[in-house]
Amino acid sequence: MRQKHPRFAGIAFALLVGATLLSTVGSCTPDARYARCSNGGECQKRDPKYQYCLDGRCVECIGRGGCGAHRACRDGACVEGEE
């Protein structure tokens, strides 16, 4: 019977773990709020909630009108209870 080589098994395991980590990290996309952008279209592709690009970051709203009744825009996000 042929003996297994422990060194080969260790290298194979390390390669498997490395490939798994790379595929996991590579598939992560940043939250639209923190993603850098140059226009609103980039933001909408990441998350339809974020329609605008303001100062290089995706935001939900700009100014008063974009949030609906009883909501206000604060720092690019719609918040409850204000108008």
PDB file of N, CA and C in Angstrom:
ATOM      1  N   MET A   1       0.827  -1.182   0.000  1.00  0.00           N
ATOM      2  CA  MET A   1       0.000   0.000   0.000  1.00  0.00           C
ATOM      3  C   MET A   1       0.876   1.251   0.000  1.00  0.00           C
ATOM      4  N   ARG A   2       0.437   2.224  -0.745  1.00  0.00           N
ATOM      5  CA  ARG A   2       1.198   3.452  -0.879  1.00  0.00           C
ATOM      6  C   ARG A   2       0.972   4.371   0.313  1.00  0.00           C
ATOM      7  N   GLN A   3       2.038   4.996   0.780  1.00  0.00           N
ATOM      8  CA  GLN A   3       1.946   5.903   1.903  1.00  0.00           C
ATOM      9  C   GLN A   3       1.602   7.313   1.424  1.00  0.00           C
ATOM     10  N   LYS A   4       0.736   7.991   2.187  1.00  0.00           N
ATOM     11  CA  LYS A   4       0.424   9.382   1.850  1.00  0.00           C
ATOM     12  C   LYS A   4       1.555  10.275   2.334  1.00  0.00           C
ATOM     13  N   HIS A   5       1.793  11.305   1.612  1.00  0.00           N
ATOM     14  CA  HIS A   5       2.833  12.258   1.989  1.00  0.00           C
ATOM     15  C   HIS A   5       2.217  13.383   2.805  1.00  0.00           C
ATOM     16  N   PRO A   6       2.576  13.496   4.086  1.00  0.00           N
ATOM     17  CA  PRO A   6       1.984  14.522   4.941  1.00  0.00           C
ATOM     18  C   PRO A   6       2.277  15.940   4.451  1.00  0.00           C
ATOM     19  N   ARG A   7       3.431  16.135   3.838  1.00  0.00           N
ATOM     20  CA  ARG A   7       3.765  17.468   3.333  1.00  0.00           C
ATOM     21  C   ARG A   7       2.817  17.867   2.202  1.00  0.00           C
ATOM     22  N   PHE A   8       2.543  16.953   1.292  1.00  0.00           N
ATOM     23  CA  PHE A   8       1.628  17.218   0.190  1.00  0.00           C
ATOM     24  C   PHE A   8       0.226  17.527   0.713  1.00  0.00           C
ATOM     25  N   ALA A   9      -0.214  16.794   1.711  1.00  0.00           N
ATOM     26  CA  ALA A   9      -1.540  17.023   2.295  1.00  0.00           C
ATOM     27  C   ALA A   9      -1.616  18.416   2.919  1.00  0.00           C
ATOM     28  N   GLY A  10      -0.555  18.848   3.573  1.00  0.00           N
ATOM     29  CA  GLY A  10      -0.521  20.184   4.182  1.00  0.00           C
ATOM     30  C   GLY A  10      -0.570  21.280   3.139  1.00  0.00           C
ATOM     31  N   ILE A  11       0.165  21.108   2.053  1.00  0.00           N
ATOM     32  CA  ILE A  11       0.172  22.099   0.972  1.00  0.00           C
ATOM     33  C   ILE A  11      -1.197  22.152   0.298  1.00  0.00           C
ATOM     34  N   ALA A  12      -1.788  20.993   0.047  1.00  0.00           N
ATOM     35  CA  ALA A  12      -3.114  20.952  -0.571  1.00  0.00           C
ATOM     36  C   ALA A  12      -4.155  21.633   0.313  1.00  0.00           C
ATOM     37  N   PHE A  13      -4.063  21.404   1.617  1.00  0.00           N
ATOM     38  CA  PHE A  13      -4.995  22.031   2.548  1.00  0.00           C
ATOM     39  C   PHE A  13      -4.820  23.552   2.547  1.00  0.00           C
ATOM     40  N   ALA A  14      -3.578  24.014   2.563  1.00  0.00           N
ATOM     41  CA  ALA A  14      -3.299  25.452   2.554  1.00  0.00           C
ATOM     42  C   ALA A  14      -3.832  26.092   1.277  1.00  0.00           C
ATOM     43  N   LEU A  15      -3.664  25.439   0.148  1.00  0.00           N
ATOM     44  CA  LEU A  15      -4.183  25.965  -1.116  1.00  0.00           C
ATOM     45  C   LEU A  15      -5.705  26.026  -1.110  1.00  0.00           C
ATOM     46  N   LEU A  16      -6.333  25.017  -0.567  1.00  0.00           N
ATOM     47  CA  LEU A  16      -7.791  24.994  -0.482  1.00  0.00           C
ATOM     48  C   LEU A  16      -8.312  26.128   0.394  1.00  0.00           C
ATOM     49  N   VAL A  17      -7.693  26.325   1.545  1.00  0.00           N
ATOM     50  CA  VAL A  17      -8.099  27.408   2.451  1.00  0.00           C
ATOM     51  C   VAL A  17      -7.877  28.760   1.777  1.00  0.00           C
ATOM     52  N   GLY A  18      -6.744  28.940   1.131  1.00  0.00           N
ATOM     53  CA  GLY A  18      -6.446  30.203   0.443  1.00  0.00           C
ATOM     54  C   GLY A  18      -7.440  30.504  -0.661  1.00  0.00           C
ATOM     55  N   ALA A  19      -7.778  29.511  -1.461  1.00  0.00           N
ATOM     56  CA  ALA A  19      -8.744  29.706  -2.536  1.00  0.00           C
ATOM     57  C   ALA A  19     -10.121  30.060  -1.987  1.00  0.00           C
ATOM     58  N   THR A  20     -10.497  29.422  -0.892  1.00  0.00           N
ATOM     59  CA  THR A  20     -11.788  29.715  -0.264  1.00  0.00           C
ATOM     60  C   THR A  20     -11.828  31.142   0.243  1.00  0.00           C
ATOM     61  N   LEU A  21     -10.776  31.586   0.910  1.00  0.00           N
ATOM     62  CA  LEU A  21     -10.723  32.956   1.422  1.00  0.00           C
ATOM     63  C   LEU A  21     -10.757  33.982   0.299  1.00  0.00           C
ATOM     64  N   LEU A  22     -10.008  33.738  -0.755  1.00  0.00           N
ATOM     65  CA  LEU A  22     -10.007  34.671  -1.888  1.00  0.00           C
ATOM     66  C   LEU A  22     -11.370  34.773  -2.548  1.00  0.00           C
ATOM     67  N   SER A  23     -12.050  33.665  -2.698  1.00  0.00           N
ATOM     68  CA  SER A  23     -13.366  33.713  -3.330  1.00  0.00           C
ATOM     69  C   SER A  23     -14.382  34.403  -2.433  1.00  0.00           C
ATOM     70  N   THR A  24     -14.252  34.255  -1.126  1.00  0.00           N
ATOM     71  CA  THR A  24     -15.164  34.915  -0.196  1.00  0.00           C
ATOM     72  C   THR A  24     -14.933  36.412  -0.182  1.00  0.00           C
ATOM     73  N   VAL A  25     -13.693  36.848  -0.077  1.00  0.00           N
ATOM     74  CA  VAL A  25     -13.372  38.273  -0.048  1.00  0.00           C
ATOM     75  C   VAL A  25     -13.704  38.915  -1.387  1.00  0.00           C
ATOM     76  N   GLY A  26     -13.438  38.255  -2.467  1.00  0.00           N
ATOM     77  CA  GLY A  26     -13.703  38.804  -3.792  1.00  0.00           C
ATOM     78  C   GLY A  26     -15.177  38.984  -4.085  1.00  0.00           C
ATOM     79  N   SER A  27     -16.033  38.227  -3.426  1.00  0.00           N
ATOM     80  CA  SER A  27     -17.458  38.321  -3.720  1.00  0.00           C
ATOM     81  C   SER A  27     -18.160  39.369  -2.875  1.00  0.00           C
ATOM     82  N   CYS A  28     -17.470  39.952  -1.908  1.00  0.00           N
ATOM     83  CA  CYS A  28     -18.086  40.977  -1.056  1.00  0.00           C
ATOM     84  C   CYS A  28     -18.159  42.299  -1.813  1.00  0.00           C
ATOM     85  N   THR A  29     -19.303  42.926  -1.755  1.00  0.00           N
ATOM     86  CA  THR A  29     -19.439  44.258  -2.316  1.00  0.00           C
ATOM     87  C   THR A  29     -19.716  45.210  -1.173  1.00  0.00           C
ATOM     88  N   PRO A  30     -19.128  46.385  -1.216  1.00  0.00           N
ATOM     89  CA  PRO A  30     -19.334  47.310  -0.116  1.00  0.00           C
ATOM     90  C   PRO A  30     -20.768  47.801  -0.052  1.00  0.00           C
ATOM     91  N   ASP A  31     -21.204  48.111   1.146  1.00  0.00           N
ATOM     92  CA  ASP A  31     -22.511  48.722   1.347  1.00  0.00           C
ATOM     93  C   ASP A  31     -22.542  49.996   0.515  1.00  0.00           C
ATOM     94  N   ALA A  32     -23.653  50.250  -0.168  1.00  0.00           N
ATOM     95  CA  ALA A  32     -23.753  51.405  -1.057  1.00  0.00           C
ATOM     96  C   ALA A  32     -23.440  52.718  -0.336  1.00  0.00           C
ATOM     97  N   ARG A  33     -23.779  52.823   0.933  1.00  0.00           N
ATOM     98  CA  ARG A  33     -23.505  54.064   1.673  1.00  0.00           C
ATOM     99  C   ARG A  33     -22.032  54.386   1.743  1.00  0.00           C
ATOM    100  N   TYR A  34     -21.190  53.373   1.764  1.00  0.00           N
ATOM    101  CA  TYR A  34     -19.767  53.586   1.960  1.00  0.00           C
ATOM    102  C   TYR A  34     -18.962  53.440   0.667  1.00  0.00           C
ATOM    103  N   ALA A  35     -19.632  53.106  -0.399  1.00  0.00           N
ATOM    104  CA  ALA A  35     -18.951  52.921  -1.675  1.00  0.00           C
ATOM    105  C   ALA A  35     -18.630  54.275  -2.299  1.00  0.00           C
ATOM    106  N   ARG A  36     -17.474  54.368  -2.906  1.00  0.00           N
ATOM    107  CA  ARG A  36     -17.106  55.581  -3.627  1.00  0.00           C
ATOM    108  C   ARG A  36     -17.881  55.617  -4.937  1.00  0.00           C
ATOM    109  N   CYS A  37     -18.261  56.811  -5.369  1.00  0.00           N
ATOM    110  CA  CYS A  37     -19.033  56.931  -6.601  1.00  0.00           C
ATOM    111  C   CYS A  37     -18.655  58.206  -7.325  1.00  0.00           C
ATOM    112  N   SER A  38     -19.040  58.265  -8.602  1.00  0.00           N
ATOM    113  CA  SER A  38     -18.856  59.498  -9.373  1.00  0.00           C
ATOM    114  C   SER A  38     -20.175  59.974  -9.954  1.00  0.00           C
ATOM    115  N   ASN A  39     -21.229  59.128  -9.891  1.00  0.00           N
ATOM    116  CA  ASN A  39     -22.560  59.554 -10.335  1.00  0.00           C
ATOM    117  C   ASN A  39     -23.634  58.667  -9.684  1.00  0.00           C
ATOM    118  N   GLY A  40     -24.875  59.152  -9.714  1.00  0.00           N
ATOM    119  CA  GLY A  40     -25.978  58.438  -9.082  1.00  0.00           C
ATOM    120  C   GLY A  40     -26.269  57.080  -9.689  1.00  0.00           C
ATOM    121  N   GLY A  41     -25.967  56.914 -10.961  1.00  0.00           N
ATOM    122  CA  GLY A  41     -26.200  55.628 -11.617  1.00  0.00           C
ATOM    123  C   GLY A  41     -25.394  54.509 -10.982  1.00  0.00           C
ATOM    124  N   GLU A  42     -24.166  54.807 -10.562  1.00  0.00           N
ATOM    125  CA  GLU A  42     -23.346  53.803  -9.890  1.00  0.00           C
ATOM    126  C   GLU A  42     -23.997  53.370  -8.581  1.00  0.00           C
ATOM    127  N   CYS A  43     -24.569  54.330  -7.867  1.00  0.00           N
ATOM    128  CA  CYS A  43     -25.208  54.029  -6.586  1.00  0.00           C
ATOM    129  C   CYS A  43     -26.453  53.171  -6.788  1.00  0.00           C
ATOM    130  N   GLN A  44     -27.257  53.519  -7.777  1.00  0.00           N
ATOM    131  CA  GLN A  44     -28.485  52.770  -8.038  1.00  0.00           C
ATOM    132  C   GLN A  44     -28.193  51.338  -8.442  1.00  0.00           C
ATOM    133  N   LYS A  45     -27.088  51.101  -9.119  1.00  0.00           N
ATOM    134  CA  LYS A  45     -26.711  49.727  -9.483  1.00  0.00           C
ATOM    135  C   LYS A  45     -26.381  48.907  -8.237  1.00  0.00           C
ATOM    136  N   ARG A  46     -25.763  49.549  -7.247  1.00  0.00           N
ATOM    137  CA  ARG A  46     -25.403  48.838  -6.011  1.00  0.00           C
ATOM    138  C   ARG A  46     -26.626  48.583  -5.146  1.00  0.00           C
ATOM    139  N   ASP A  47     -27.500  49.611  -5.027  1.00  0.00           N
ATOM    140  CA  ASP A  47     -28.694  49.518  -4.179  1.00  0.00           C
ATOM    141  C   ASP A  47     -29.672  50.591  -4.632  1.00  0.00           C
ATOM    142  N   PRO A  48     -30.862  50.214  -5.107  1.00  0.00           N
ATOM    143  CA  PRO A  48     -31.827  51.199  -5.613  1.00  0.00           C
ATOM    144  C   PRO A  48     -32.225  52.259  -4.579  1.00  0.00           C
ATOM    145  N   LYS A  49     -32.025  51.973  -3.314  1.00  0.00           N
ATOM    146  CA  LYS A  49     -32.358  52.940  -2.263  1.00  0.00           C
ATOM    147  C   LYS A  49     -31.488  54.192  -2.368  1.00  0.00           C
ATOM    148  N   TYR A  50     -30.257  54.034  -2.815  1.00  0.00           N
ATOM    149  CA  TYR A  50     -29.318  55.148  -2.906  1.00  0.00           C
ATOM    150  C   TYR A  50     -29.295  55.674  -4.339  1.00  0.00           C
ATOM    151  N   GLN A  51     -29.941  56.802  -4.548  1.00  0.00           N
ATOM    152  CA  GLN A  51     -30.122  57.326  -5.897  1.00  0.00           C
ATOM    153  C   GLN A  51     -29.141  58.423  -6.268  1.00  0.00           C
ATOM    154  N   TYR A  52     -28.419  58.947  -5.300  1.00  0.00           N
ATOM    155  CA  TYR A  52     -27.573  60.106  -5.561  1.00  0.00           C
ATOM    156  C   TYR A  52     -26.133  59.851  -5.134  1.00  0.00           C
ATOM    157  N   CYS A  53     -25.234  60.553  -5.804  1.00  0.00           N
ATOM    158  CA  CYS A  53     -23.830  60.544  -5.435  1.00  0.00           C
ATOM    159  C   CYS A  53     -23.494  61.961  -4.976  1.00  0.00           C
ATOM    160  N   LEU A  54     -23.123  62.104  -3.723  1.00  0.00           N
ATOM    161  CA  LEU A  54     -22.821  63.413  -3.153  1.00  0.00           C
ATOM    162  C   LEU A  54     -21.435  63.375  -2.513  1.00  0.00           C
ATOM    163  N   ASP A  55     -20.557  64.227  -2.984  1.00  0.00           N
ATOM    164  CA  ASP A  55     -19.184  64.286  -2.475  1.00  0.00           C
ATOM    165  C   ASP A  55     -18.499  62.923  -2.520  1.00  0.00           C
ATOM    166  N   GLY A  56     -18.747  62.161  -3.573  1.00  0.00           N
ATOM    167  CA  GLY A  56     -18.071  60.889  -3.766  1.00  0.00           C
ATOM    168  C   GLY A  56     -18.617  59.717  -2.984  1.00  0.00           C
ATOM    169  N   ARG A  57     -19.790  59.875  -2.345  1.00  0.00           N
ATOM    170  CA  ARG A  57     -20.400  58.737  -1.644  1.00  0.00           C
ATOM    171  C   ARG A  57     -21.884  58.656  -1.983  1.00  0.00           C
ATOM    172  N   CYS A  58     -22.423  57.460  -1.944  1.00  0.00           N
ATOM    173  CA  CYS A  58     -23.829  57.241  -2.268  1.00  0.00           C
ATOM    174  C   CYS A  58     -24.713  57.684  -1.110  1.00  0.00           C
ATOM    175  N   VAL A  59     -25.784  58.424  -1.446  1.00  0.00           N
ATOM    176  CA  VAL A  59     -26.720  58.895  -0.429  1.00  0.00           C
ATOM    177  C   VAL A  59     -28.148  58.603  -0.879  1.00  0.00           C
ATOM    178  N   GLU A  60     -29.024  58.533   0.090  1.00  0.00           N
ATOM    179  CA  GLU A  60     -30.437  58.238  -0.143  1.00  0.00           C
ATOM    180  C   GLU A  60     -31.195  59.478  -0.610  1.00  0.00           C
ATOM    181  N   CYS A  61     -30.793  60.646  -0.127  1.00  0.00           N
ATOM    182  CA  CYS A  61     -31.522  61.868  -0.441  1.00  0.00           C
ATOM    183  C   CYS A  61     -30.589  63.071  -0.468  1.00  0.00           C
ATOM    184  N   ILE A  62     -31.071  64.118  -1.127  1.00  0.00           N
ATOM    185  CA  ILE A  62     -30.387  65.404  -1.135  1.00  0.00           C
ATOM    186  C   ILE A  62     -31.480  66.451  -0.914  1.00  0.00           C
ATOM    187  N   GLY A  63     -31.404  67.151   0.169  1.00  0.00           N
ATOM    188  CA  GLY A  63     -32.390  68.194   0.437  1.00  0.00           C
ATOM    189  C   GLY A  63     -33.685  67.654   1.018  1.00  0.00           C
ATOM    190  N   ARG A  64     -34.716  68.500   1.023  1.00  0.00           N
ATOM    191  CA  ARG A  64     -35.949  68.221   1.749  1.00  0.00           C
ATOM    192  C   ARG A  64     -36.927  67.295   1.033  1.00  0.00           C
ATOM    193  N   GLY A  65     -37.036  67.372  -0.271  1.00  0.00           N
ATOM    194  CA  GLY A  65     -38.143  66.730  -0.966  1.00  0.00           C
ATOM    195  C   GLY A  65     -38.077  65.240  -1.208  1.00  0.00           C
ATOM    196  N   GLY A  66     -36.947  64.604  -1.043  1.00  0.00           N
ATOM    197  CA  GLY A  66     -36.809  63.223  -1.471  1.00  0.00           C
ATOM    198  C   GLY A  66     -37.209  62.148  -0.496  1.00  0.00           C
ATOM    199  N   CYS A  67     -37.716  62.495   0.672  1.00  0.00           N
ATOM    200  CA  CYS A  67     -37.952  61.478   1.691  1.00  0.00           C
ATOM    201  C   CYS A  67     -39.418  61.175   1.966  1.00  0.00           C
ATOM    202  N   GLY A  68     -40.331  61.968   1.491  1.00  0.00           N
ATOM    203  CA  GLY A  68     -41.743  61.702   1.737  1.00  0.00           C
ATOM    204  C   GLY A  68     -42.265  62.395   2.988  1.00  0.00           C
ATOM    205  N   ALA A  69     -43.533  62.133   3.282  1.00  0.00           N
ATOM    206  CA  ALA A  69     -44.216  62.793   4.394  1.00  0.00           C
ATOM    207  C   ALA A  69     -43.620  62.405   5.741  1.00  0.00           C
ATOM    208  N   HIS A  70     -43.493  63.381   6.616  1.00  0.00           N
ATOM    209  CA  HIS A  70     -43.015  63.204   7.991  1.00  0.00           C
ATOM    210  C   HIS A  70     -41.605  62.628   8.075  1.00  0.00           C
ATOM    211  N   ARG A  71     -40.831  62.852   7.045  1.00  0.00           N
ATOM    212  CA  ARG A  71     -39.442  62.404   7.030  1.00  0.00           C
ATOM    213  C   ARG A  71     -38.575  63.548   6.529  1.00  0.00           C
ATOM    214  N   ALA A  72     -37.336  63.559   6.922  1.00  0.00           N
ATOM    215  CA  ALA A  72     -36.402  64.592   6.491  1.00  0.00           C
ATOM    216  C   ALA A  72     -35.085  63.953   6.068  1.00  0.00           C
ATOM    217  N   CYS A  73     -34.335  64.704   5.298  1.00  0.00           N
ATOM    218  CA  CYS A  73     -33.031  64.241   4.845  1.00  0.00           C
ATOM    219  C   CYS A  73     -31.968  64.807   5.780  1.00  0.00           C
ATOM    220  N   ARG A  74     -31.228  63.914   6.412  1.00  0.00           N
ATOM    221  CA  ARG A  74     -30.152  64.336   7.303  1.00  0.00           C
ATOM    222  C   ARG A  74     -28.895  63.554   6.943  1.00  0.00           C
ATOM    223  N   ASP A  75     -27.864  64.272   6.569  1.00  0.00           N
ATOM    224  CA  ASP A  75     -26.588  63.658   6.178  1.00  0.00           C
ATOM    225  C   ASP A  75     -26.758  62.593   5.107  1.00  0.00           C
ATOM    226  N   GLY A  76     -27.657  62.847   4.155  1.00  0.00           N
ATOM    227  CA  GLY A  76     -27.845  61.922   3.038  1.00  0.00           C
ATOM    228  C   GLY A  76     -28.741  60.741   3.302  1.00  0.00           C
ATOM    229  N   ALA A  77     -29.364  60.696   4.496  1.00  0.00           N
ATOM    230  CA  ALA A  77     -30.261  59.585   4.849  1.00  0.00           C
ATOM    231  C   ALA A  77     -31.613  60.128   5.277  1.00  0.00           C
ATOM    232  N   CYS A  78     -32.697  59.446   4.893  1.00  0.00           N
ATOM    233  CA  CYS A  78     -34.033  59.832   5.309  1.00  0.00           C
ATOM    234  C   CYS A  78     -34.256  59.376   6.756  1.00  0.00           C
ATOM    235  N   VAL A  79     -34.719  60.314   7.580  1.00  0.00           N
ATOM    236  CA  VAL A  79     -34.978  60.010   8.988  1.00  0.00           C
ATOM    237  C   VAL A  79     -36.433  60.323   9.328  1.00  0.00           C
ATOM    238  N   GLU A  80     -36.966  59.604  10.290  1.00  0.00           N
ATOM    239  CA  GLU A  80     -38.362  59.767  10.718  1.00  0.00           C
ATOM    240  C   GLU A  80     -38.545  60.988  11.599  1.00  0.00           C
ATOM    241  N   GLY A  81     -39.784  61.494  11.620  1.00  0.00           N
ATOM    242  CA  GLY A  81     -40.207  62.486  12.607  1.00  0.00           C
ATOM    243  C   GLY A  81     -39.851  63.914  12.337  1.00  0.00           C
ATOM    244  N   GLU A  82     -39.234  64.229  11.246  1.00  0.00           N
ATOM    245  CA  GLU A  82     -38.890  65.610  10.939  1.00  0.00           C
ATOM    246  C   GLU A  82     -39.417  65.956   9.570  1.00  0.00           C
ATOM    247  N   GLU A  83     -39.460  67.231   9.294  1.00  0.00           N
ATOM    248  CA  GLU A  83     -39.866  67.658   7.974  1.00  0.00           C
ATOM    249  C   GLU A  83     -39.208  68.926   7.575  1.00  0.00           C
TER     250      GLU A  83
END
